[in-house]
Structure formats: structure tokens, C-alpha cells
Amino acid sequence: MAEIRERKDEELGVRADQLREDLFRQRVRQATNQLQDTSTLPKMRRELARTLTVKRARELGLEGTK
């Protein structure tokens, strides 16, 4: 979580977009039975949620901006 908070606002947006794309690709791979490690899906979802939470907190002024 500290790693996410250290990122700048722009980096949070870029990272969220990357995670969304990666999550989509992983879901496709899972649907086609090509995904070896299914535990990556919940991990990616949690990281995306944490990233979006920090981004939103900064927008609301609840957390310092970088």
C-alpha cells in the first residue's frame, strides 16, 4: 500500500489503466483455459481497487497529493 501512495496522481491513473487491461487479458486466458495461475486474478483486482481508492482519496482531499 505504501508503494501505491508514493506514486504521483498521473502514475496512479496510468497504473489503473494497465491493471484493467491486464485483468481483461487474464480473464480471457482463464476462459480459454490458458491461465496457469488463477490466483493472479484476485491479486490484480485488489491492486486495482487499492490504486483507485488512493486516487479517489486524493481527489477528495483526504490524502496528500504528489
N, C-alpha and C. Protein backbone atom coordinates (compact mmCIF):
# COMPACT_ATOMS: atom_id res chain seq x y z
N MET A 1 0.82 -1.19 0.00
CA MET A 1 0.00 0.00 0.00
C MET A 1 0.87 1.25 0.00
N ALA A 2 1.99 1.20 0.69
CA ALA A 2 2.88 2.36 0.73
C ALA A 2 3.44 2.65 -0.66
N GLU A 3 3.69 1.60 -1.42
CA GLU A 3 4.21 1.77 -2.78
C GLU A 3 3.20 2.52 -3.65
N ILE A 4 1.93 2.22 -3.46
CA ILE A 4 0.89 2.88 -4.24
C ILE A 4 0.79 4.35 -3.84
N ARG A 5 0.88 4.62 -2.55
CA ARG A 5 0.76 6.00 -2.07
C ARG A 5 1.94 6.87 -2.49
N GLU A 6 3.08 6.26 -2.79
CA GLU A 6 4.25 7.02 -3.20
C GLU A 6 4.15 7.51 -4.64
N ARG A 7 3.25 6.94 -5.41
CA ARG A 7 3.12 7.31 -6.82
C ARG A 7 2.43 8.66 -6.97
N LYS A 8 2.73 9.31 -8.07
CA LYS A 8 2.09 10.58 -8.39
C LYS A 8 0.69 10.31 -8.92
N ASP A 9 -0.13 11.35 -8.95
CA ASP A 9 -1.51 11.22 -9.40
C ASP A 9 -1.60 10.67 -10.82
N GLU A 10 -0.76 11.18 -11.72
CA GLU A 10 -0.78 10.73 -13.10
C GLU A 10 -0.40 9.26 -13.20
N GLU A 11 0.58 8.86 -12.40
CA GLU A 11 1.03 7.47 -12.40
C GLU A 11 -0.08 6.53 -11.91
N LEU A 12 -0.88 7.00 -10.97
CA LEU A 12 -1.98 6.18 -10.48
C LEU A 12 -2.99 5.90 -11.59
N GLY A 13 -3.29 6.92 -12.38
CA GLY A 13 -4.22 6.73 -13.49
C GLY A 13 -3.69 5.77 -14.53
N VAL A 14 -2.41 5.92 -14.86
CA VAL A 14 -1.78 5.04 -15.84
C VAL A 14 -1.76 3.61 -15.31
N ARG A 15 -1.41 3.44 -14.05
CA ARG A 15 -1.35 2.11 -13.45
C ARG A 15 -2.73 1.46 -13.41
N ALA A 16 -3.76 2.23 -13.11
CA ALA A 16 -5.12 1.70 -13.10
C ALA A 16 -5.51 1.20 -14.49
N ASP A 17 -5.17 1.97 -15.51
CA ASP A 17 -5.46 1.54 -16.89
C ASP A 17 -4.71 0.26 -17.24
N GLN A 18 -3.44 0.18 -16.84
CA GLN A 18 -2.65 -1.03 -17.10
C GLN A 18 -3.28 -2.24 -16.41
N LEU A 19 -3.67 -2.06 -15.16
CA LEU A 19 -4.27 -3.17 -14.42
C LEU A 19 -5.58 -3.62 -15.04
N ARG A 20 -6.38 -2.68 -15.53
CA ARG A 20 -7.64 -3.05 -16.19
C ARG A 20 -7.37 -3.89 -17.43
N GLU A 21 -6.38 -3.46 -18.24
CA GLU A 21 -6.03 -4.22 -19.44
C GLU A 21 -5.51 -5.60 -19.09
N ASP A 22 -4.61 -5.67 -18.12
CA ASP A 22 -4.04 -6.95 -17.71
C ASP A 22 -5.12 -7.88 -17.15
N LEU A 23 -6.02 -7.32 -16.38
CA LEU A 23 -7.10 -8.11 -15.81
C LEU A 23 -7.99 -8.68 -16.91
N PHE A 24 -8.28 -7.87 -17.91
CA PHE A 24 -9.08 -8.34 -19.05
C PHE A 24 -8.37 -9.49 -19.76
N ARG A 25 -7.08 -9.32 -20.02
CA ARG A 25 -6.32 -10.37 -20.70
C ARG A 25 -6.30 -11.66 -19.88
N GLN A 26 -6.13 -11.52 -18.57
CA GLN A 26 -6.10 -12.70 -17.71
C GLN A 26 -7.46 -13.41 -17.71
N ARG A 27 -8.53 -12.64 -17.72
CA ARG A 27 -9.86 -13.25 -17.76
C ARG A 27 -10.08 -14.01 -19.06
N VAL A 28 -9.61 -13.45 -20.16
CA VAL A 28 -9.72 -14.14 -21.45
C VAL A 28 -8.92 -15.44 -21.41
N ARG A 29 -7.71 -15.35 -20.87
CA ARG A 29 -6.88 -16.55 -20.77
C ARG A 29 -7.53 -17.60 -19.88
N GLN A 30 -8.18 -17.16 -18.81
CA GLN A 30 -8.86 -18.10 -17.93
C GLN A 30 -10.04 -18.76 -18.65
N ALA A 31 -10.77 -17.98 -19.41
CA ALA A 31 -11.93 -18.51 -20.13
C ALA A 31 -11.52 -19.52 -21.20
N THR A 32 -10.33 -19.36 -21.74
CA THR A 32 -9.85 -20.28 -22.77
C THR A 32 -8.93 -21.35 -22.20
N ASN A 33 -8.92 -21.46 -20.89
CA ASN A 33 -8.12 -22.47 -20.18
C ASN A 33 -6.62 -22.37 -20.48
N GLN A 34 -6.12 -21.18 -20.66
CA GLN A 34 -4.70 -20.97 -20.90
C GLN A 34 -4.00 -20.38 -19.68
N LEU A 35 -4.75 -20.05 -18.65
CA LEU A 35 -4.18 -19.42 -17.47
C LEU A 35 -3.68 -20.49 -16.51
N GLN A 36 -2.39 -20.42 -16.19
CA GLN A 36 -1.79 -21.41 -15.30
C GLN A 36 -2.08 -21.11 -13.83
N ASP A 37 -1.88 -19.86 -13.43
CA ASP A 37 -2.01 -19.47 -12.03
C ASP A 37 -3.26 -18.60 -11.85
N THR A 38 -4.34 -19.19 -11.39
CA THR A 38 -5.59 -18.45 -11.25
C THR A 38 -5.59 -17.51 -10.06
N SER A 39 -4.61 -17.61 -9.19
CA SER A 39 -4.56 -16.72 -8.02
C SER A 39 -4.17 -15.30 -8.41
N THR A 40 -3.74 -15.09 -9.64
CA THR A 40 -3.36 -13.74 -10.06
C THR A 40 -4.58 -12.83 -10.23
N LEU A 41 -5.73 -13.40 -10.55
CA LEU A 41 -6.92 -12.58 -10.77
C LEU A 41 -7.34 -11.81 -9.52
N PRO A 42 -7.52 -12.45 -8.38
CA PRO A 42 -7.89 -11.67 -7.19
C PRO A 42 -6.81 -10.68 -6.76
N LYS A 43 -5.55 -11.05 -6.96
CA LYS A 43 -4.46 -10.14 -6.61
C LYS A 43 -4.52 -8.88 -7.46
N MET A 44 -4.78 -9.05 -8.74
CA MET A 44 -4.87 -7.89 -9.64
C MET A 44 -6.08 -7.03 -9.31
N ARG A 45 -7.20 -7.67 -8.99
CA ARG A 45 -8.39 -6.91 -8.62
C ARG A 45 -8.16 -6.09 -7.37
N ARG A 46 -7.49 -6.68 -6.39
CA ARG A 46 -7.19 -5.95 -5.15
C ARG A 46 -6.26 -4.78 -5.41
N GLU A 47 -5.23 -4.99 -6.23
CA GLU A 47 -4.31 -3.90 -6.52
C GLU A 47 -5.02 -2.77 -7.26
N LEU A 48 -5.91 -3.12 -8.18
CA LEU A 48 -6.68 -2.11 -8.89
C LEU A 48 -7.56 -1.34 -7.91
N ALA A 49 -8.21 -2.03 -7.00
CA ALA A 49 -9.07 -1.37 -6.02
C ALA A 49 -8.27 -0.44 -5.12
N ARG A 50 -7.11 -0.89 -4.69
CA ARG A 50 -6.26 -0.05 -3.84
C ARG A 50 -5.80 1.20 -4.59
N THR A 51 -5.43 1.02 -5.85
CA THR A 51 -4.98 2.15 -6.66
C THR A 51 -6.10 3.16 -6.82
N LEU A 52 -7.29 2.69 -7.15
CA LEU A 52 -8.42 3.59 -7.34
C LEU A 52 -8.83 4.26 -6.03
N THR A 53 -8.69 3.56 -4.92
CA THR A 53 -9.02 4.13 -3.61
C THR A 53 -8.09 5.29 -3.27
N VAL A 54 -6.80 5.11 -3.49
CA VAL A 54 -5.84 6.17 -3.21
C VAL A 54 -6.09 7.36 -4.14
N LYS A 55 -6.36 7.07 -5.40
CA LYS A 55 -6.62 8.14 -6.37
C LYS A 55 -7.86 8.95 -5.96
N ARG A 56 -8.91 8.27 -5.57
CA ARG A 56 -10.14 8.95 -5.17
C ARG A 56 -9.95 9.74 -3.88
N ALA A 57 -9.21 9.19 -2.94
CA ALA A 57 -8.95 9.90 -1.68
C ALA A 57 -8.22 11.20 -1.95
N ARG A 58 -7.30 11.18 -2.89
CA ARG A 58 -6.58 12.41 -3.23
C ARG A 58 -7.51 13.41 -3.90
N GLU A 59 -8.41 12.92 -4.75
CA GLU A 59 -9.36 13.82 -5.40
C GLU A 59 -10.26 14.52 -4.38
N LEU A 60 -10.61 13.80 -3.33
CA LEU A 60 -11.47 14.36 -2.29
C LEU A 60 -10.71 15.18 -1.26
N GLY A 61 -9.38 15.15 -1.36
CA GLY A 61 -8.57 15.90 -0.42
C GLY A 61 -8.36 15.19 0.90
N LEU A 62 -8.62 13.91 0.95
CA LEU A 62 -8.46 13.15 2.19
C LEU A 62 -7.04 12.69 2.40
N GLU A 63 -6.24 12.78 1.36
CA GLU A 63 -4.86 12.33 1.42
C GLU A 63 -4.01 13.34 0.66
N GLY A 64 -2.78 13.50 1.09
CA GLY A 64 -1.88 14.44 0.42
C GLY A 64 -1.62 14.05 -1.02
N THR A 65 -1.46 15.05 -1.87
CA THR A 65 -1.19 14.77 -3.28
C THR A 65 0.30 14.81 -3.55
N LYS A 66 0.67 14.20 -4.63
CA LYS A 66 2.07 14.21 -5.06
C LYS A 66 2.17 14.74 -6.46
